[in-house]
N, C-alpha and C. Protein backbone atom coordinates (compact mmCIF):
# COMPACT_ATOMS: atom_id res chain seq x y z
N MET A 1 103.56 5.31 120.67
CA MET A 1 103.42 5.61 122.09
C MET A 1 104.68 5.13 122.80
N LYS A 2 105.21 6.00 123.67
CA LYS A 2 106.38 5.66 124.47
C LYS A 2 106.09 5.97 125.92
N GLN A 3 106.69 5.21 126.83
CA GLN A 3 106.57 5.49 128.25
C GLN A 3 107.96 5.62 128.85
N ILE A 4 108.14 6.67 129.66
CA ILE A 4 109.40 6.89 130.35
C ILE A 4 109.12 7.32 131.78
N GLU A 5 110.07 7.07 132.65
CA GLU A 5 109.96 7.54 134.04
C GLU A 5 110.64 8.90 134.13
N VAL A 6 109.94 9.86 134.73
CA VAL A 6 110.49 11.20 134.90
C VAL A 6 110.41 11.62 136.37
N LEU A 7 111.34 12.46 136.76
CA LEU A 7 111.34 13.01 138.11
C LEU A 7 111.19 14.52 138.01
N ILE A 8 110.13 15.02 138.64
CA ILE A 8 109.82 16.46 138.65
C ILE A 8 109.76 16.86 140.11
N ASP A 9 110.91 17.00 140.74
CA ASP A 9 110.96 17.15 142.19
C ASP A 9 110.94 18.59 142.71
N ALA A 10 110.50 19.53 141.88
CA ALA A 10 110.39 20.92 142.30
C ALA A 10 109.33 21.61 141.45
N PRO A 11 108.61 22.59 142.02
CA PRO A 11 107.59 23.30 141.25
C PRO A 11 108.13 23.96 139.99
N GLU A 12 109.37 24.45 140.05
CA GLU A 12 109.97 25.08 138.87
C GLU A 12 110.15 24.07 137.74
N LYS A 13 110.49 22.83 138.12
CA LYS A 13 110.65 21.78 137.12
C LYS A 13 109.30 21.40 136.51
N ALA A 14 108.25 21.40 137.32
CA ALA A 14 106.91 21.10 136.81
C ALA A 14 106.50 22.15 135.78
N LYS A 15 106.77 23.40 136.09
CA LYS A 15 106.43 24.49 135.16
C LYS A 15 107.21 24.35 133.86
N LYS A 16 108.51 24.03 133.97
CA LYS A 16 109.35 23.89 132.77
C LYS A 16 108.89 22.71 131.92
N LEU A 17 108.60 21.57 132.54
CA LEU A 17 108.14 20.41 131.79
C LEU A 17 106.83 20.70 131.07
N CYS A 18 105.88 21.31 131.76
CA CYS A 18 104.59 21.64 131.13
C CYS A 18 104.79 22.59 129.95
N HIS A 19 105.69 23.54 130.10
CA HIS A 19 105.98 24.49 129.02
C HIS A 19 106.55 23.76 127.79
N ILE A 20 107.48 22.84 128.03
CA ILE A 20 108.06 22.07 126.92
C ILE A 20 106.99 21.23 126.24
N LEU A 21 106.20 20.49 127.03
CA LEU A 21 105.18 19.62 126.45
C LEU A 21 104.11 20.41 125.71
N SER A 22 103.79 21.60 126.20
CA SER A 22 102.76 22.43 125.55
C SER A 22 103.19 22.90 124.17
N GLY A 23 104.48 22.88 123.91
CA GLY A 23 104.98 23.27 122.60
C GLY A 23 104.87 22.18 121.55
N HIS A 24 104.33 21.04 121.94
CA HIS A 24 104.16 19.91 121.01
C HIS A 24 102.68 19.60 120.83
N LYS A 25 102.34 19.09 119.65
CA LYS A 25 100.94 18.82 119.32
C LYS A 25 100.39 17.56 119.96
N GLY A 26 101.23 16.60 120.22
CA GLY A 26 100.77 15.31 120.75
C GLY A 26 100.23 15.41 122.17
N ALA A 27 99.66 14.31 122.63
CA ALA A 27 99.14 14.23 123.99
C ALA A 27 100.21 13.60 124.89
N PHE A 28 100.20 14.03 126.15
CA PHE A 28 101.15 13.55 127.14
C PHE A 28 100.41 13.30 128.44
N ASP A 29 100.55 12.11 128.99
CA ASP A 29 99.90 11.76 130.25
C ASP A 29 100.97 11.49 131.30
N LEU A 30 100.76 12.01 132.50
CA LEU A 30 101.60 11.71 133.65
C LEU A 30 100.80 10.83 134.58
N ALA A 31 101.40 9.74 135.04
CA ALA A 31 100.66 8.80 135.87
C ALA A 31 101.48 8.30 137.04
N LYS A 32 100.77 8.03 138.11
CA LYS A 32 101.31 7.31 139.27
C LYS A 32 100.20 6.36 139.68
N GLY A 33 100.42 5.08 139.42
CA GLY A 33 99.35 4.10 139.68
C GLY A 33 98.19 4.35 138.71
N ARG A 34 96.99 4.45 139.26
CA ARG A 34 95.82 4.71 138.42
C ARG A 34 95.49 6.19 138.29
N TYR A 35 96.26 7.05 138.94
CA TYR A 35 96.03 8.49 138.89
C TYR A 35 96.76 9.06 137.68
N ILE A 36 96.01 9.64 136.73
CA ILE A 36 96.58 10.14 135.48
C ILE A 36 96.14 11.58 135.27
N VAL A 37 97.10 12.43 134.87
CA VAL A 37 96.78 13.83 134.55
C VAL A 37 97.39 14.18 133.20
N ASP A 38 96.89 15.25 132.62
CA ASP A 38 97.42 15.78 131.36
C ASP A 38 98.78 16.41 131.65
N GLY A 39 99.82 15.95 130.95
CA GLY A 39 101.17 16.45 131.17
C GLY A 39 101.36 17.91 130.80
N LYS A 40 100.42 18.48 130.05
CA LYS A 40 100.51 19.89 129.67
C LYS A 40 99.84 20.81 130.69
N SER A 41 99.18 20.24 131.68
CA SER A 41 98.43 21.03 132.66
C SER A 41 99.25 21.23 133.94
N ILE A 42 99.69 22.45 134.18
CA ILE A 42 100.48 22.74 135.37
C ILE A 42 99.68 22.43 136.64
N ILE A 43 98.40 22.70 136.62
CA ILE A 43 97.56 22.41 137.79
C ILE A 43 97.48 20.91 138.01
N GLY A 44 97.28 20.15 136.94
CA GLY A 44 97.24 18.70 137.05
C GLY A 44 98.55 18.13 137.55
N VAL A 45 99.65 18.60 136.99
CA VAL A 45 100.97 18.10 137.39
C VAL A 45 101.25 18.41 138.86
N CYS A 46 100.86 19.59 139.30
CA CYS A 46 101.13 19.98 140.69
C CYS A 46 100.26 19.22 141.69
N THR A 47 99.23 18.52 141.23
CA THR A 47 98.43 17.70 142.14
C THR A 47 99.07 16.34 142.38
N MET A 48 100.10 16.02 141.60
CA MET A 48 100.78 14.74 141.73
C MET A 48 101.80 14.79 142.87
N ASP A 49 102.18 13.63 143.37
CA ASP A 49 103.26 13.52 144.35
C ASP A 49 104.57 13.65 143.58
N LEU A 50 105.19 14.83 143.66
CA LEU A 50 106.38 15.11 142.87
C LEU A 50 107.67 14.61 143.52
N SER A 51 107.57 13.96 144.66
CA SER A 51 108.77 13.47 145.33
C SER A 51 109.26 12.13 144.76
N ASN A 52 108.43 11.48 143.97
CA ASN A 52 108.77 10.19 143.38
C ASN A 52 108.65 10.27 141.85
N PRO A 53 109.36 9.40 141.13
CA PRO A 53 109.23 9.39 139.67
C PRO A 53 107.80 9.09 139.22
N LEU A 54 107.44 9.67 138.10
CA LEU A 54 106.13 9.49 137.49
C LEU A 54 106.33 8.86 136.12
N THR A 55 105.31 8.20 135.61
CA THR A 55 105.36 7.63 134.27
C THR A 55 104.78 8.64 133.29
N LEU A 56 105.59 9.03 132.31
CA LEU A 56 105.14 9.94 131.25
C LEU A 56 104.87 9.11 130.01
N THR A 57 103.63 9.14 129.53
CA THR A 57 103.26 8.47 128.30
C THR A 57 103.22 9.52 127.20
N ILE A 58 103.98 9.27 126.15
CA ILE A 58 104.08 10.21 125.02
C ILE A 58 103.29 9.64 123.86
N HIS A 59 102.23 10.36 123.47
CA HIS A 59 101.38 9.93 122.36
C HIS A 59 101.72 10.78 121.14
N GLU A 60 102.98 10.77 120.75
CA GLU A 60 103.45 11.60 119.64
C GLU A 60 104.51 10.82 118.89
N GLU A 61 104.50 10.92 117.60
CA GLU A 61 105.47 10.20 116.77
C GLU A 61 106.84 10.89 116.75
N ASP A 62 106.86 12.18 116.92
CA ASP A 62 108.09 12.97 116.84
C ASP A 62 108.93 12.75 118.10
N ASP A 63 110.17 12.31 117.92
CA ASP A 63 111.05 12.04 119.05
C ASP A 63 111.80 13.27 119.57
N THR A 64 111.58 14.43 118.98
CA THR A 64 112.31 15.62 119.44
C THR A 64 111.97 15.98 120.88
N VAL A 65 110.79 15.62 121.32
CA VAL A 65 110.40 15.92 122.70
C VAL A 65 111.31 15.19 123.69
N LEU A 66 111.76 13.99 123.33
CA LEU A 66 112.64 13.24 124.22
C LEU A 66 113.94 13.99 124.48
N GLU A 67 114.47 14.62 123.46
CA GLU A 67 115.69 15.40 123.62
C GLU A 67 115.45 16.62 124.52
N GLU A 68 114.31 17.24 124.36
CA GLU A 68 113.98 18.44 125.13
C GLU A 68 113.74 18.15 126.61
N ILE A 69 113.30 16.95 126.95
CA ILE A 69 112.98 16.64 128.35
C ILE A 69 114.01 15.72 129.00
N ARG A 70 115.16 15.54 128.38
CA ARG A 70 116.15 14.58 128.89
C ARG A 70 116.58 14.85 130.33
N GLU A 71 116.53 16.12 130.79
CA GLU A 71 116.92 16.43 132.17
C GLU A 71 115.95 15.84 133.20
N PHE A 72 114.74 15.49 132.78
CA PHE A 72 113.73 14.93 133.67
C PHE A 72 113.71 13.40 133.69
N VAL A 73 114.31 12.79 132.66
CA VAL A 73 114.21 11.34 132.47
C VAL A 73 115.04 10.59 133.51
N VAL A 74 114.37 9.65 134.17
CA VAL A 74 115.03 8.76 135.12
C VAL A 74 115.31 7.42 134.44
N LYS A 75 114.31 6.92 133.69
CA LYS A 75 114.45 5.63 133.04
C LYS A 75 113.51 5.57 131.84
N ALA A 76 114.04 5.14 130.71
CA ALA A 76 113.21 4.94 129.53
C ALA A 76 112.80 3.48 129.46
N ARG A 77 111.61 3.22 128.96
CA ARG A 77 111.11 1.82 128.82
C ARG A 77 111.20 1.39 127.38
């Protein structure tokens, strides 16, 4: 499990991130405080406050997803 901070400050970016994450088998959670949504759900992602960074939890062993989403990464933990 890995956690990184991502910024998805436009609806087009939300759609692109969900598309990338949907291509992977693992689970992905986006969180702000106690509010958590499925990172593969465009509807869930669009309910988040996209003006601030969100915490993306990656429940996948394969690190290739990190390379694919590098444009969204603000800070890795």
